[in-house]
Each structure stands twice: as C-alpha cells, then as structure tokens.
PDB file of N, CA and C in Angstrom:
ATOM      1  N   MET A   1      -0.512   9.538 -18.065  1.00  0.00           N
ATOM      2  CA  MET A   1       0.670   9.883 -17.920  1.00  0.00           C
ATOM      3  C   MET A   1       1.226   8.895 -17.377  1.00  0.00           C
ATOM      4  N   ARG A   2       2.517   8.709 -17.582  1.00  0.00           N
ATOM      5  CA  ARG A   2       3.468   7.675 -17.302  1.00  0.00           C
ATOM      6  C   ARG A   2       4.405   8.441 -16.137  1.00  0.00           C
ATOM      7  N   TRP A   3       4.678   7.315 -15.083  1.00  0.00           N
ATOM      8  CA  TRP A   3       5.346   7.644 -13.896  1.00  0.00           C
ATOM      9  C   TRP A   3       6.883   8.766 -14.197  1.00  0.00           C
ATOM     10  N   SER A   4       7.540   8.539 -15.133  1.00  0.00           N
ATOM     11  CA  SER A   4       8.421   9.007 -15.726  1.00  0.00           C
ATOM     12  C   SER A   4       8.632  10.525 -16.312  1.00  0.00           C
ATOM     13  N   GLU A   5       7.253  10.783 -16.558  1.00  0.00           N
ATOM     14  CA  GLU A   5       6.967  12.252 -17.133  1.00  0.00           C
ATOM     15  C   GLU A   5       6.830  13.051 -15.901  1.00  0.00           C
ATOM     16  N   GLU A   6       7.373  14.377 -16.310  1.00  0.00           N
ATOM     17  CA  GLU A   6       7.111  15.824 -15.349  1.00  0.00           C
ATOM     18  C   GLU A   6       5.872  16.037 -15.622  1.00  0.00           C
ATOM     19  N   VAL A   7       5.229  16.972 -14.605  1.00  0.00           N
ATOM     20  CA  VAL A   7       3.776  17.617 -14.623  1.00  0.00           C
ATOM     21  C   VAL A   7       4.244  19.067 -15.112  1.00  0.00           C
ATOM     22  N   SER A   8       3.723  19.304 -16.044  1.00  0.00           N
ATOM     23  CA  SER A   8       3.978  20.703 -16.360  1.00  0.00           C
ATOM     24  C   SER A   8       3.089  21.966 -15.803  1.00  0.00           C
ATOM     25  N   VAL A   9       3.615  22.883 -14.907  1.00  0.00           N
ATOM     26  CA  VAL A   9       3.007  23.937 -13.902  1.00  0.00           C
ATOM     27  C   VAL A   9       2.498  24.963 -15.025  1.00  0.00           C
ATOM     28  N   PRO A  10       1.468  25.471 -14.820  1.00  0.00           N
ATOM     29  CA  PRO A  10       1.510  26.705 -15.556  1.00  0.00           C
ATOM     30  C   PRO A  10       2.103  27.781 -15.517  1.00  0.00           C
ATOM     31  N   ASP A  11       2.227  28.188 -14.269  1.00  0.00           N
ATOM     32  CA  ASP A  11       3.051  29.247 -13.736  1.00  0.00           C
ATOM     33  C   ASP A  11       3.213  29.094 -12.203  1.00  0.00           C
ATOM     34  N   LYS A  12       4.043  29.373 -11.788  1.00  0.00           N
ATOM     35  CA  LYS A  12       4.057  29.805  -9.995  1.00  0.00           C
ATOM     36  C   LYS A  12       3.428  30.164  -9.403  1.00  0.00           C
ATOM     37  N   ASN A  13       2.398  31.127  -9.798  1.00  0.00           N
ATOM     38  CA  ASN A  13       1.095  31.693  -8.649  1.00  0.00           C
ATOM     39  C   ASN A  13       0.231  30.967  -9.026  1.00  0.00           C
ATOM     40  N   THR A  14       0.123  29.716 -10.054  1.00  0.00           N
ATOM     41  CA  THR A  14      -1.211  29.072  -9.544  1.00  0.00           C
ATOM     42  C   THR A  14      -1.132  27.931  -8.852  1.00  0.00           C
ATOM     43  N   LYS A  15      -2.280  27.926  -7.917  1.00  0.00           N
ATOM     44  CA  LYS A  15      -2.170  26.852  -7.270  1.00  0.00           C
ATOM     45  C   LYS A  15      -2.574  25.167  -7.968  1.00  0.00           C
ATOM     46  N   ILE A  16      -2.086  24.368  -7.856  1.00  0.00           N
ATOM     47  CA  ILE A  16      -2.187  23.013  -8.514  1.00  0.00           C
ATOM     48  C   ILE A  16      -2.656  22.237  -7.383  1.00  0.00           C
ATOM     49  N   HIS A  17      -3.994  21.327  -7.378  1.00  0.00           N
ATOM     50  CA  HIS A  17      -4.341  20.276  -6.486  1.00  0.00           C
ATOM     51  C   HIS A  17      -4.347  18.751  -7.291  1.00  0.00           C
ATOM     52  N   LYS A  18      -4.061  17.742  -6.289  1.00  0.00           N
ATOM     53  CA  LYS A  18      -3.825  16.559  -6.872  1.00  0.00           C
ATOM     54  C   LYS A  18      -4.821  15.795  -6.471  1.00  0.00           C
ATOM     55  N   VAL A  19      -5.831  15.127  -7.111  1.00  0.00           N
ATOM     56  CA  VAL A  19      -6.622  14.205  -6.483  1.00  0.00           C
ATOM     57  C   VAL A  19      -6.389  12.637  -7.287  1.00  0.00           C
ATOM     58  N   VAL A  20      -5.978  11.886  -6.460  1.00  0.00           N
ATOM     59  CA  VAL A  20      -6.113  10.407  -7.073  1.00  0.00           C
ATOM     60  C   VAL A  20      -7.032   9.610  -6.361  1.00  0.00           C
ATOM     61  N   ILE A  21      -7.832   8.564  -7.350  1.00  0.00           N
ATOM     62  CA  ILE A  21      -8.966   7.950  -7.219  1.00  0.00           C
ATOM     63  C   ILE A  21      -8.347   6.449  -7.322  1.00  0.00           C
ATOM     64  N   LEU A  22      -8.601   5.644  -6.348  1.00  0.00           N
ATOM     65  CA  LEU A  22      -7.887   4.418  -5.973  1.00  0.00           C
ATOM     66  C   LEU A  22      -8.946   3.321  -5.651  1.00  0.00           C
ATOM     67  N   ASP A  23      -8.799   2.486  -6.599  1.00  0.00           N
ATOM     68  CA  ASP A  23      -9.565   1.082  -6.524  1.00  0.00           C
ATOM     69  C   ASP A  23      -9.693   0.020  -5.721  1.00  0.00           C
ATOM     70  N   CYS A  24     -10.125   0.224  -4.685  1.00  0.00           N
ATOM     71  CA  CYS A  24      -9.982  -0.982  -3.592  1.00  0.00           C
ATOM     72  C   CYS A  24     -11.102  -1.987  -3.737  1.00  0.00           C
ATOM     73  N   SER A  25     -11.550  -2.265  -4.731  1.00  0.00           N
ATOM     74  CA  SER A  25     -12.660  -3.353  -4.980  1.00  0.00           C
ATOM     75  C   SER A  25     -11.882  -4.882  -5.161  1.00  0.00           C
ATOM     76  N   GLY A  26     -12.686  -5.525  -4.615  1.00  0.00           N
ATOM     77  CA  GLY A  26     -12.272  -7.178  -4.625  1.00  0.00           C
ATOM     78  C   GLY A  26     -11.154  -7.534  -5.482  1.00  0.00           C
ATOM     79  N   SER A  27     -11.475  -7.300  -6.755  1.00  0.00           N
ATOM     80  CA  SER A  27     -10.470  -7.540  -8.004  1.00  0.00           C
ATOM     81  C   SER A  27      -9.444  -7.171  -7.748  1.00  0.00           C
ATOM     82  N   MET A  28      -8.995  -5.775  -6.858  1.00  0.00           N
ATOM     83  CA  MET A  28      -7.878  -5.395  -6.810  1.00  0.00           C
ATOM     84  C   MET A  28      -7.052  -6.020  -5.736  1.00  0.00           C
ATOM     85  N   GLN A  29      -7.092  -6.846  -4.589  1.00  0.00           N
ATOM     86  CA  GLN A  29      -6.520  -7.509  -3.833  1.00  0.00           C
ATOM     87  C   GLN A  29      -5.297  -8.018  -4.242  1.00  0.00           C
ATOM     88  N   GLY A  30      -4.401  -8.158  -3.476  1.00  0.00           N
ATOM     89  CA  GLY A  30      -3.275  -8.541  -3.847  1.00  0.00           C
ATOM     90  C   GLY A  30      -2.045  -7.778  -4.415  1.00  0.00           C
ATOM     91  N   GLU A  31      -1.756  -8.488  -5.415  1.00  0.00           N
ATOM     92  CA  GLU A  31      -0.465  -7.831  -6.511  1.00  0.00           C
ATOM     93  C   GLU A  31      -0.861  -6.551  -7.134  1.00  0.00           C
ATOM     94  N   LYS A  32      -2.192  -6.466  -7.503  1.00  0.00           N
ATOM     95  CA  LYS A  32      -2.774  -5.164  -8.049  1.00  0.00           C
ATOM     96  C   LYS A  32      -2.572  -4.193  -7.202  1.00  0.00           C
ATOM     97  N   TYR A  33      -3.415  -4.378  -5.906  1.00  0.00           N
ATOM     98  CA  TYR A  33      -3.459  -3.445  -5.002  1.00  0.00           C
ATOM     99  C   TYR A  33      -2.180  -2.969  -4.549  1.00  0.00           C
ATOM    100  N   ASN A  34      -1.201  -3.852  -4.314  1.00  0.00           N
ATOM    101  CA  ASN A  34       0.122  -3.442  -3.993  1.00  0.00           C
ATOM    102  C   ASN A  34       0.971  -2.661  -4.776  1.00  0.00           C
ATOM    103  N   ALA A  35       0.995  -2.861  -6.119  1.00  0.00           N
ATOM    104  CA  ALA A  35       1.364  -2.138  -7.185  1.00  0.00           C
ATOM    105  C   ALA A  35       1.094  -0.796  -7.244  1.00  0.00           C
ATOM    106  N   ALA A  36      -0.392  -0.786  -7.143  1.00  0.00           N
ATOM    107  CA  ALA A  36      -0.988   0.512  -7.280  1.00  0.00           C
ATOM    108  C   ALA A  36      -0.488   1.366  -5.753  1.00  0.00           C
ATOM    109  N   GLU A  37      -0.716   0.835  -4.782  1.00  0.00           N
ATOM    110  CA  GLU A  37      -0.342   1.444  -3.471  1.00  0.00           C
ATOM    111  C   GLU A  37       1.146   2.329  -3.689  1.00  0.00           C
ATOM    112  N   GLN A  38       2.178   1.421  -4.377  1.00  0.00           N
ATOM    113  CA  GLN A  38       3.109   2.028  -4.227  1.00  0.00           C
ATOM    114  C   GLN A  38       3.322   2.898  -5.228  1.00  0.00           C
ATOM    115  N   GLY A  39       2.710   2.685  -6.422  1.00  0.00           N
ATOM    116  CA  GLY A  39       2.346   3.989  -7.218  1.00  0.00           C
ATOM    117  C   GLY A  39       1.983   5.090  -6.948  1.00  0.00           C
ATOM    118  N   VAL A  40       0.990   5.161  -5.774  1.00  0.00           N
ATOM    119  CA  VAL A  40       0.176   6.094  -5.222  1.00  0.00           C
ATOM    120  C   VAL A  40       1.357   7.075  -4.248  1.00  0.00           C
ATOM    121  N   ARG A  41       2.290   6.230  -3.606  1.00  0.00           N
ATOM    122  CA  ARG A  41       3.262   6.486  -2.611  1.00  0.00           C
ATOM    123  C   ARG A  41       4.400   7.353  -3.410  1.00  0.00           C
ATOM    124  N   GLU A  42       4.587   6.893  -4.348  1.00  0.00           N
ATOM    125  CA  GLU A  42       5.856   7.615  -5.345  1.00  0.00           C
ATOM    126  C   GLU A  42       4.963   8.668  -5.986  1.00  0.00           C
ATOM    127  N   ASP A  43       3.842   8.581  -6.613  1.00  0.00           N
ATOM    128  CA  ASP A  43       3.205  10.052  -7.014  1.00  0.00           C
ATOM    129  C   ASP A  43       2.959  11.089  -6.055  1.00  0.00           C
ATOM    130  N   TYR A  44       3.017  10.780  -4.913  1.00  0.00           N
ATOM    131  CA  TYR A  44       2.695  11.767  -3.308  1.00  0.00           C
ATOM    132  C   TYR A  44       3.779  12.255  -3.295  1.00  0.00           C
ATOM    133  N   LYS A  45       5.041  11.509  -3.130  1.00  0.00           N
ATOM    134  CA  LYS A  45       6.451  12.214  -2.956  1.00  0.00           C
ATOM    135  C   LYS A  45       6.678  13.260  -4.102  1.00  0.00           C
ATOM    136  N   LEU A  46       6.388  12.847  -5.546  1.00  0.00           N
ATOM    137  CA  LEU A  46       6.564  13.594  -6.867  1.00  0.00           C
ATOM    138  C   LEU A  46       5.832  14.979  -6.436  1.00  0.00           C
ATOM    139  N   CYS A  47       4.539  14.659  -5.999  1.00  0.00           N
ATOM    140  CA  CYS A  47       3.657  15.961  -6.059  1.00  0.00           C
ATOM    141  C   CYS A  47       4.165  16.925  -4.919  1.00  0.00           C
ATOM    142  N   GLN A  48       4.659  16.346  -3.667  1.00  0.00           N
ATOM    143  CA  GLN A  48       5.212  17.382  -2.555  1.00  0.00           C
ATOM    144  C   GLN A  48       6.351  18.002  -3.350  1.00  0.00           C
ATOM    145  N   ASP A  49       7.463  17.068  -3.811  1.00  0.00           N
ATOM    146  CA  ASP A  49       8.537  18.095  -4.316  1.00  0.00           C
ATOM    147  C   ASP A  49       8.143  18.779  -5.508  1.00  0.00           C
ATOM    148  N   GLN A  50       7.145  18.504  -6.321  1.00  0.00           N
ATOM    149  CA  GLN A  50       6.763  19.478  -7.145  1.00  0.00           C
ATOM    150  C   GLN A  50       6.014  20.746  -6.697  1.00  0.00           C
ATOM    151  N   GLY A  51       5.781  20.704  -5.677  1.00  0.00           N
ATOM    152  CA  GLY A  51       4.812  21.870  -4.990  1.00  0.00           C
ATOM    153  C   GLY A  51       3.493  21.904  -5.078  1.00  0.00           C
ATOM    154  N   PHE A  52       2.833  20.778  -5.360  1.00  0.00           N
ATOM    155  CA  PHE A  52       1.574  20.770  -5.483  1.00  0.00           C
ATOM    156  C   PHE A  52       1.054  21.821  -3.998  1.00  0.00           C
ATOM    157  N   ALA A  53      -0.498  22.033  -4.084  1.00  0.00           N
ATOM    158  CA  ALA A  53      -0.585  22.458  -2.813  1.00  0.00           C
ATOM    159  C   ALA A  53      -1.485  21.535  -1.913  1.00  0.00           C
ATOM    160  N   ASP A  54      -1.997  20.615  -2.288  1.00  0.00           N
ATOM    161  CA  ASP A  54      -2.538  19.480  -1.706  1.00  0.00           C
ATOM    162  C   ASP A  54      -2.578  18.135  -2.329  1.00  0.00           C
ATOM    163  N   TYR A  55      -3.111  17.484  -1.481  1.00  0.00           N
ATOM    164  CA  TYR A  55      -3.197  15.908  -2.420  1.00  0.00           C
ATOM    165  C   TYR A  55      -4.424  15.429  -1.664  1.00  0.00           C
ATOM    166  N   LEU A  56      -5.216  14.862  -2.478  1.00  0.00           N
ATOM    167  CA  LEU A  56      -6.752  14.203  -1.935  1.00  0.00           C
ATOM    168  C   LEU A  56      -6.593  12.529  -2.507  1.00  0.00           C
ATOM    169  N   LEU A  57      -6.603  11.842  -1.419  1.00  0.00           N
ATOM    170  CA  LEU A  57      -6.753  10.524  -1.908  1.00  0.00           C
ATOM    171  C   LEU A  57      -8.151   9.948  -1.728  1.00  0.00           C
ATOM    172  N   VAL A  58      -8.496   9.339  -2.554  1.00  0.00           N
ATOM    173  CA  VAL A  58      -9.880   8.884  -2.800  1.00  0.00           C
ATOM    174  C   VAL A  58      -9.828   7.360  -2.906  1.00  0.00           C
ATOM    175  N   GLU A  59     -10.078   6.428  -1.965  1.00  0.00           N
ATOM    176  CA  GLU A  59     -10.163   5.159  -1.863  1.00  0.00           C
ATOM    177  C   GLU A  59     -11.775   4.846  -2.055  1.00  0.00           C
ATOM    178  N   PHE A  60     -11.857   3.760  -3.407  1.00  0.00           N
ATOM    179  CA  PHE A  60     -13.310   3.467  -3.238  1.00  0.00           C
ATOM    180  C   PHE A  60     -13.587   1.953  -3.452  1.00  0.00           C
ATOM    181  N   SER A  61     -14.685   1.164  -3.132  1.00  0.00           N
ATOM    182  CA  SER A  61     -15.000   0.248  -3.920  1.00  0.00           C
ATOM    183  C   SER A  61     -16.509   0.177  -3.855  1.00  0.00           C
ATOM    184  N   SER A  62     -17.636  -0.046  -2.738  1.00  0.00           N
ATOM    185  CA  SER A  62     -18.723   0.257  -2.945  1.00  0.00           C
ATOM    186  C   SER A  62     -19.066   1.492  -2.801  1.00  0.00           C
ATOM    187  N   ASN A  63     -18.460   2.369  -1.710  1.00  0.00           N
ATOM    188  CA  ASN A  63     -18.457   3.444  -1.043  1.00  0.00           C
ATOM    189  C   ASN A  63     -17.115   3.972  -1.057  1.00  0.00           C
ATOM    190  N   TYR A  64     -16.886   5.473  -1.058  1.00  0.00           N
ATOM    191  CA  TYR A  64     -15.474   5.719  -0.930  1.00  0.00           C
ATOM    192  C   TYR A  64     -15.435   6.631   0.293  1.00  0.00           C
ATOM    193  N   THR A  65     -13.765   6.827   0.378  1.00  0.00           N
ATOM    194  CA  THR A  65     -13.525   7.498   1.865  1.00  0.00           C
ATOM    195  C   THR A  65     -12.273   8.530   1.170  1.00  0.00           C
ATOM    196  N   GLU A  66     -12.264   9.655   1.733  1.00  0.00           N
ATOM    197  CA  GLU A  66     -11.315  10.856   1.384  1.00  0.00           C
ATOM    198  C   GLU A  66     -10.212  10.895   2.517  1.00  0.00           C
ATOM    199  N   LYS A  67      -9.255  10.908   2.247  1.00  0.00           N
ATOM    200  CA  LYS A  67      -7.981  11.687   2.999  1.00  0.00           C
ATOM    201  C   LYS A  67      -7.524  12.786   2.109  1.00  0.00           C
ATOM    202  N   PHE A  68      -7.554  13.870   3.140  1.00  0.00           N
ATOM    203  CA  PHE A  68      -6.674  15.088   2.431  1.00  0.00           C
ATOM    204  C   PHE A  68      -5.477  15.579   3.063  1.00  0.00           C
ATOM    205  N   TYR A  69      -4.484  15.546   2.119  1.00  0.00           N
ATOM    206  CA  TYR A  69      -2.983  15.892   2.658  1.00  0.00           C
ATOM    207  C   TYR A  69      -2.845  17.150   2.504  1.00  0.00           C
ATOM    208  N   LYS A  70      -2.891  18.102   3.028  1.00  0.00           N
ATOM    209  CA  LYS A  70      -2.359  19.202   2.772  1.00  0.00           C
ATOM    210  C   LYS A  70      -0.881  19.634   3.705  1.00  0.00           C
ATOM    211  N   ASN A  71      -0.661  19.140   4.788  1.00  0.00           N
ATOM    212  CA  ASN A  71       0.691  19.291   5.245  1.00  0.00           C
ATOM    213  C   ASN A  71       1.652  18.513   4.892  1.00  0.00           C
ATOM    214  N   TRP A  72       1.487  17.623   4.133  1.00  0.00           N
ATOM    215  CA  TRP A  72       2.366  16.283   3.495  1.00  0.00           C
ATOM    216  C   TRP A  72       2.705  15.478   4.910  1.00  0.00           C
ATOM    217  N   GLU A  73       1.770  15.229   5.670  1.00  0.00           N
ATOM    218  CA  GLU A  73       1.868  14.210   6.486  1.00  0.00           C
ATOM    219  C   GLU A  73       2.291  12.486   6.063  1.00  0.00           C
ATOM    220  N   PRO A  74       2.626  11.727   6.471  1.00  0.00           N
ATOM    221  CA  PRO A  74       2.802  10.188   5.740  1.00  0.00           C
ATOM    222  C   PRO A  74       1.465   9.758   5.393  1.00  0.00           C
ATOM    223  N   ILE A  75       1.447   9.415   4.014  1.00  0.00           N
ATOM    224  CA  ILE A  75       0.325   9.068   3.305  1.00  0.00           C
ATOM    225  C   ILE A  75      -0.368   7.708   4.062  1.00  0.00           C
ATOM    226  N   THR A  76      -1.297   7.383   4.330  1.00  0.00           N
ATOM    227  CA  THR A  76      -2.001   5.996   4.923  1.00  0.00           C
ATOM    228  C   THR A  76      -3.128   5.463   3.609  1.00  0.00           C
ATOM    229  N   PHE A  77      -3.448   4.282   3.901  1.00  0.00           N
ATOM    230  CA  PHE A  77      -4.088   3.427   3.035  1.00  0.00           C
ATOM    231  C   PHE A  77      -5.264   2.781   4.129  1.00  0.00           C
ATOM    232  N   ASN A  78      -6.388   2.610   3.595  1.00  0.00           N
ATOM    233  CA  ASN A  78      -7.220   1.762   4.140  1.00  0.00           C
ATOM    234  C   ASN A  78      -8.437   1.054   3.163  1.00  0.00           C
ATOM    235  N   PRO A  79      -7.789   0.092   2.479  1.00  0.00           N
ATOM    236  CA  PRO A  79      -8.402  -0.544   1.255  1.00  0.00           C
ATOM    237  C   PRO A  79      -9.607  -1.333   2.053  1.00  0.00           C
ATOM    238  N   ARG A  80     -10.887  -1.544   1.660  1.00  0.00           N
ATOM    239  CA  ARG A  80     -12.097  -2.162   1.484  1.00  0.00           C
ATOM    240  C   ARG A  80     -12.536  -2.782   0.460  1.00  0.00           C
ATOM    241  N   PHE A  81     -12.008  -4.007   0.272  1.00  0.00           N
ATOM    242  CA  PHE A  81     -12.171  -4.741  -0.996  1.00  0.00           C
ATOM    243  C   PHE A  81     -13.548  -5.342  -1.212  1.00  0.00           C
ATOM    244  N   ASN A  82     -14.476  -4.318  -1.701  1.00  0.00           N
ATOM    245  CA  ASN A  82     -15.790  -4.860  -1.986  1.00  0.00           C
ATOM    246  C   ASN A  82     -15.986  -4.706  -3.684  1.00  0.00           C
ATOM    247  N   SER A  83     -17.248  -4.398  -3.915  1.00  0.00           N
ATOM    248  CA  SER A  83     -17.839  -4.432  -5.183  1.00  0.00           C
ATOM    249  C   SER A  83     -17.190  -3.019  -5.882  1.00  0.00           C
ATOM    250  N   THR A  84     -17.232  -2.464  -6.838  1.00  0.00           N
ATOM    251  CA  THR A  84     -16.662  -1.366  -7.926  1.00  0.00           C
ATOM    252  C   THR A  84     -17.656  -0.420  -8.252  1.00  0.00           C
ATOM    253  N   ALA A  85     -17.645   0.417  -7.386  1.00  0.00           N
ATOM    254  CA  ALA A  85     -18.682   2.071  -7.786  1.00  0.00           C
ATOM    255  C   ALA A  85     -17.616   3.098  -8.289  1.00  0.00           C
ATOM    256  N   LEU A  86     -16.962   2.679  -9.443  1.00  0.00           N
ATOM    257  CA  LEU A  86     -16.143   3.664 -10.083  1.00  0.00           C
ATOM    258  C   LEU A  86     -16.836   5.084 -10.535  1.00  0.00           C
ATOM    259  N   TYR A  87     -17.808   4.593 -11.258  1.00  0.00           N
ATOM    260  CA  TYR A  87     -18.589   5.948 -11.878  1.00  0.00           C
ATOM    261  C   TYR A  87     -19.237   6.839 -10.944  1.00  0.00           C
ATOM    262  N   SER A  88     -19.509   6.496  -9.747  1.00  0.00           N
ATOM    263  CA  SER A  88     -20.345   7.085  -8.721  1.00  0.00           C
ATOM    264  C   SER A  88     -19.414   7.819  -8.072  1.00  0.00           C
ATOM    265  N   THR A  89     -18.078   7.201  -7.840  1.00  0.00           N
ATOM    266  CA  THR A  89     -17.035   7.750  -7.097  1.00  0.00           C
ATOM    267  C   THR A  89     -16.447   8.999  -7.626  1.00  0.00           C
ATOM    268  N   ILE A  90     -16.593   8.978  -9.369  1.00  0.00           N
ATOM    269  CA  ILE A  90     -16.021  10.045  -9.905  1.00  0.00           C
ATOM    270  C   ILE A  90     -16.938  10.929  -9.983  1.00  0.00           C
ATOM    271  N   VAL A  91     -18.208  10.927 -10.221  1.00  0.00           N
ATOM    272  CA  VAL A  91     -19.153  11.994 -10.157  1.00  0.00           C
ATOM    273  C   VAL A  91     -19.153  12.403  -8.883  1.00  0.00           C
ATOM    274  N   GLY A  92     -18.909  11.912  -7.715  1.00  0.00           N
ATOM    275  CA  GLY A  92     -19.105  12.333  -6.182  1.00  0.00           C
ATOM    276  C   GLY A  92     -17.766  13.568  -6.051  1.00  0.00           C
ATOM    277  N   VAL A  93     -16.791  12.817  -6.399  1.00  0.00           N
ATOM    278  CA  VAL A  93     -15.288  13.487  -6.086  1.00  0.00           C
ATOM    279  C   VAL A  93     -15.163  14.785  -6.884  1.00  0.00           C
ATOM    280  N   LEU A  94     -15.724  14.768  -8.422  1.00  0.00           N
ATOM    281  CA  LEU A  94     -15.515  15.797  -9.105  1.00  0.00           C
ATOM    282  C   LEU A  94     -16.481  16.898  -8.908  1.00  0.00           C
ATOM    283  N   THR A  95     -17.661  16.557  -8.358  1.00  0.00           N
ATOM    284  CA  THR A  95     -18.415  17.425  -7.925  1.00  0.00           C
ATOM    285  C   THR A  95     -18.181  18.120  -6.827  1.00  0.00           C
ATOM    286  N   LYS A  96     -17.509  17.401  -5.745  1.00  0.00           N
ATOM    287  CA  LYS A  96     -16.973  18.192  -4.701  1.00  0.00           C
ATOM    288  C   LYS A  96     -15.736  19.093  -4.823  1.00  0.00           C
ATOM    289  N   VAL A  97     -14.757  18.423  -5.939  1.00  0.00           N
ATOM    290  CA  VAL A  97     -13.789  19.569  -6.290  1.00  0.00           C
ATOM    291  C   VAL A  97     -14.120  20.601  -6.716  1.00  0.00           C
ATOM    292  N   SER A  98     -15.079  20.746  -7.738  1.00  0.00           N
ATOM    293  CA  SER A  98     -15.576  21.758  -8.592  1.00  0.00           C
ATOM    294  C   SER A  98     -15.977  22.771  -7.394  1.00  0.00           C
ATOM    295  N   ASN A  99     -16.858  22.510  -6.436  1.00  0.00           N
ATOM    296  CA  ASN A  99     -17.012  23.563  -5.454  1.00  0.00           C
ATOM    297  C   ASN A  99     -16.232  23.743  -4.772  1.00  0.00           C
ATOM    298  N   GLN A 100     -14.980  23.244  -4.476  1.00  0.00           N
ATOM    299  CA  GLN A 100     -14.170  23.267  -3.271  1.00  0.00           C
ATOM    300  C   GLN A 100     -12.928  24.482  -4.062  1.00  0.00           C
ATOM    301  N   TYR A 101     -12.638  24.326  -5.067  1.00  0.00           N
ATOM    302  CA  TYR A 101     -11.695  25.454  -5.653  1.00  0.00           C
ATOM    303  C   TYR A 101     -12.142  26.472  -6.390  1.00  0.00           C
ATOM    304  N   SER A 102     -11.510  27.225  -6.305  1.00  0.00           N
ATOM    305  CA  SER A 102     -11.755  28.668  -7.376  1.00  0.00           C
ATOM    306  C   SER A 102     -11.286  28.295  -8.806  1.00  0.00           C
ATOM    307  N   SER A 103     -11.857  28.964  -9.545  1.00  0.00           N
ATOM    308  CA  SER A 103     -11.714  28.771 -11.025  1.00  0.00           C
ATOM    309  C   SER A 103     -10.270  29.248 -11.302  1.00  0.00           C
ATOM    310  N   ASP A 104      -9.409  29.572 -10.843  1.00  0.00           N
ATOM    311  CA  ASP A 104      -7.935  30.324 -10.962  1.00  0.00           C
ATOM    312  C   ASP A 104      -7.075  29.106 -10.665  1.00  0.00           C
ATOM    313  N   GLU A 105      -7.842  28.113  -9.838  1.00  0.00           N
ATOM    314  CA  GLU A 105      -6.753  27.137  -9.537  1.00  0.00           C
ATOM    315  C   GLU A 105      -7.142  25.741 -10.414  1.00  0.00           C
ATOM    316  N   LYS A 106      -5.857  24.957 -10.590  1.00  0.00           N
ATOM    317  CA  LYS A 106      -5.953  23.582 -11.425  1.00  0.00           C
ATOM    318  C   LYS A 106      -6.020  22.799 -10.452  1.00  0.00           C
ATOM    319  N   VAL A 107      -6.641  21.470 -10.788  1.00  0.00           N
ATOM    320  CA  VAL A 107      -6.897  20.270 -10.451  1.00  0.00           C
ATOM    321  C   VAL A 107      -6.488  19.045 -11.114  1.00  0.00           C
ATOM    322  N   LEU A 108      -5.637  18.042 -10.741  1.00  0.00           N
ATOM    323  CA  LEU A 108      -5.167  17.014 -11.412  1.00  0.00           C
ATOM    324  C   LEU A 108      -5.760  16.014 -11.033  1.00  0.00           C
ATOM    325  N   VAL A 109      -6.556  15.049 -11.848  1.00  0.00           N
ATOM    326  CA  VAL A 109      -7.138  14.076 -11.294  1.00  0.00           C
ATOM    327  C   VAL A 109      -6.631  12.729 -11.902  1.00  0.00           C
ATOM    328  N   GLN A 110      -6.181  11.556 -11.279  1.00  0.00           N
ATOM    329  CA  GLN A 110      -5.815  10.308 -11.780  1.00  0.00           C
ATOM    330  C   GLN A 110      -6.348   9.440 -11.018  1.00  0.00           C
ATOM    331  N   ILE A 111      -6.802   8.360 -11.787  1.00  0.00           N
ATOM    332  CA  ILE A 111      -7.375   7.070 -11.439  1.00  0.00           C
ATOM    333  C   ILE A 111      -6.540   5.974 -11.420  1.00  0.00           C
ATOM    334  N   PHE A 112      -6.786   5.309 -10.407  1.00  0.00           N
ATOM    335  CA  PHE A 112      -5.864   3.900 -10.395  1.00  0.00           C
ATOM    336  C   PHE A 112      -6.871   2.898 -10.364  1.00  0.00           C
ATOM    337  N   THR A 113      -7.272   2.007 -11.485  1.00  0.00           N
ATOM    338  CA  THR A 113      -8.272   0.772 -11.483  1.00  0.00           C
ATOM    339  C   THR A 113      -8.118  -0.021 -12.398  1.00  0.00           C
ATOM    340  N   ASP A 114      -8.528  -1.189 -12.247  1.00  0.00           N
ATOM    341  CA  ASP A 114      -8.229  -2.474 -13.027  1.00  0.00           C
ATOM    342  C   ASP A 114      -9.592  -2.735 -14.083  1.00  0.00           C
ATOM    343  N   GLY A 115     -10.559  -2.329 -13.799  1.00  0.00           N
ATOM    344  CA  GLY A 115     -11.777  -3.229 -14.275  1.00  0.00           C
ATOM    345  C   GLY A 115     -13.022  -2.154 -14.570  1.00  0.00           C
ATOM    346  N   GLN A 116     -14.073  -2.421 -14.635  1.00  0.00           N
ATOM    347  CA  GLN A 116     -15.352  -2.244 -14.990  1.00  0.00           C
ATOM    348  C   GLN A 116     -16.036  -1.803 -13.621  1.00  0.00           C
ATOM    349  N   ASP A 117     -16.973  -0.797 -13.809  1.00  0.00           N
ATOM    350  CA  ASP A 117     -17.771  -0.289 -12.764  1.00  0.00           C
ATOM    351  C   ASP A 117     -18.999  -1.510 -12.591  1.00  0.00           C
ATOM    352  N   THR A 118     -19.246  -1.974 -11.259  1.00  0.00           N
ATOM    353  CA  THR A 118     -20.301  -2.605 -11.152  1.00  0.00           C
ATOM    354  C   THR A 118     -21.363  -2.549  -9.901  1.00  0.00           C
ATOM    355  N   ASP A 119     -20.842  -1.274  -9.670  1.00  0.00           N
ATOM    356  CA  ASP A 119     -21.730  -0.741  -8.280  1.00  0.00           C
ATOM    357  C   ASP A 119     -22.433   0.557  -8.223  1.00  0.00           C
ATOM    358  N   SER A 120     -22.111   0.667  -9.357  1.00  0.00           N
ATOM    359  CA  SER A 120     -22.594   2.673  -9.207  1.00  0.00           C
ATOM    360  C   SER A 120     -23.920   3.026  -9.276  1.00  0.00           C
ATOM    361  N   GLN A 121     -24.383   3.945  -8.564  1.00  0.00           N
ATOM    362  CA  GLN A 121     -25.708   4.317  -8.465  1.00  0.00           C
ATOM    363  C   GLN A 121     -26.383   5.525  -9.363  1.00  0.00           C
ATOM    364  N   ARG A 122     -25.225   5.981  -9.753  1.00  0.00           N
ATOM    365  CA  ARG A 122     -25.459   7.338 -10.437  1.00  0.00           C
ATOM    366  C   ARG A 122     -24.135   7.382 -11.582  1.00  0.00           C
TER     367      ARG A 122
END
C-alpha cells in the first residue's frame, strides 16, 4: 500500500487493528531507519484519524519488542540494531494476533524491512 492510498473500512461496526513490524537490524541504521520511523509516525497518525481500534508496533532485530497503543499516546521507538529475525518475528506476531482478536475483527499487518532474514529460528 502506498502512503497516499486510503484504507477501506469494511463497515463502521467492524473493529480494525493495525500491526506494524519494523526492522531494526544493523542494515537499517541511519537513513533507512530514519525514513522507516518517519513513515511509521505518519501511518500512526493516519490510523488514529481513520478510527482504527489500536496500533501494535513491533520492532525486531534478533529479538522483538511490542508496544501496544490503545489510547493513542505519543508513539516511541527503541531500535536494537542487531541481526535480522524477520521470519521468526512474523510467525510470533501473527500467532499472537490470531489468538488475541475475535474472528469478526480485522487486522491489517504492515512490514517495514530492507532485506533478507539472517537469524530466524522458526
């Protein structure tokens, strides 16, 4: 999805949650991470304005951390520039999300990454 595109909401009674998975591996340091962080900040505000129920930010490198924003407090970042465990992060996050939300709720997942997986265990 491009930043300029609108997210289409199924109907006003459907809860929609946003999950953002942000690569904080060593290859992302500098310009790439700064651009991704700015993109997440813009996306966060857009989701807030469009009425998403909540926002889960997952930052990953060799491990991942989750920050859950339900009341739309200021978004924070804590990058740990290590190796890339992209696949393990995706599996862990999607498993958790599938158990957390009911079947009538919708979840939009977006991944910000620049490269290949190098450190996944699953």
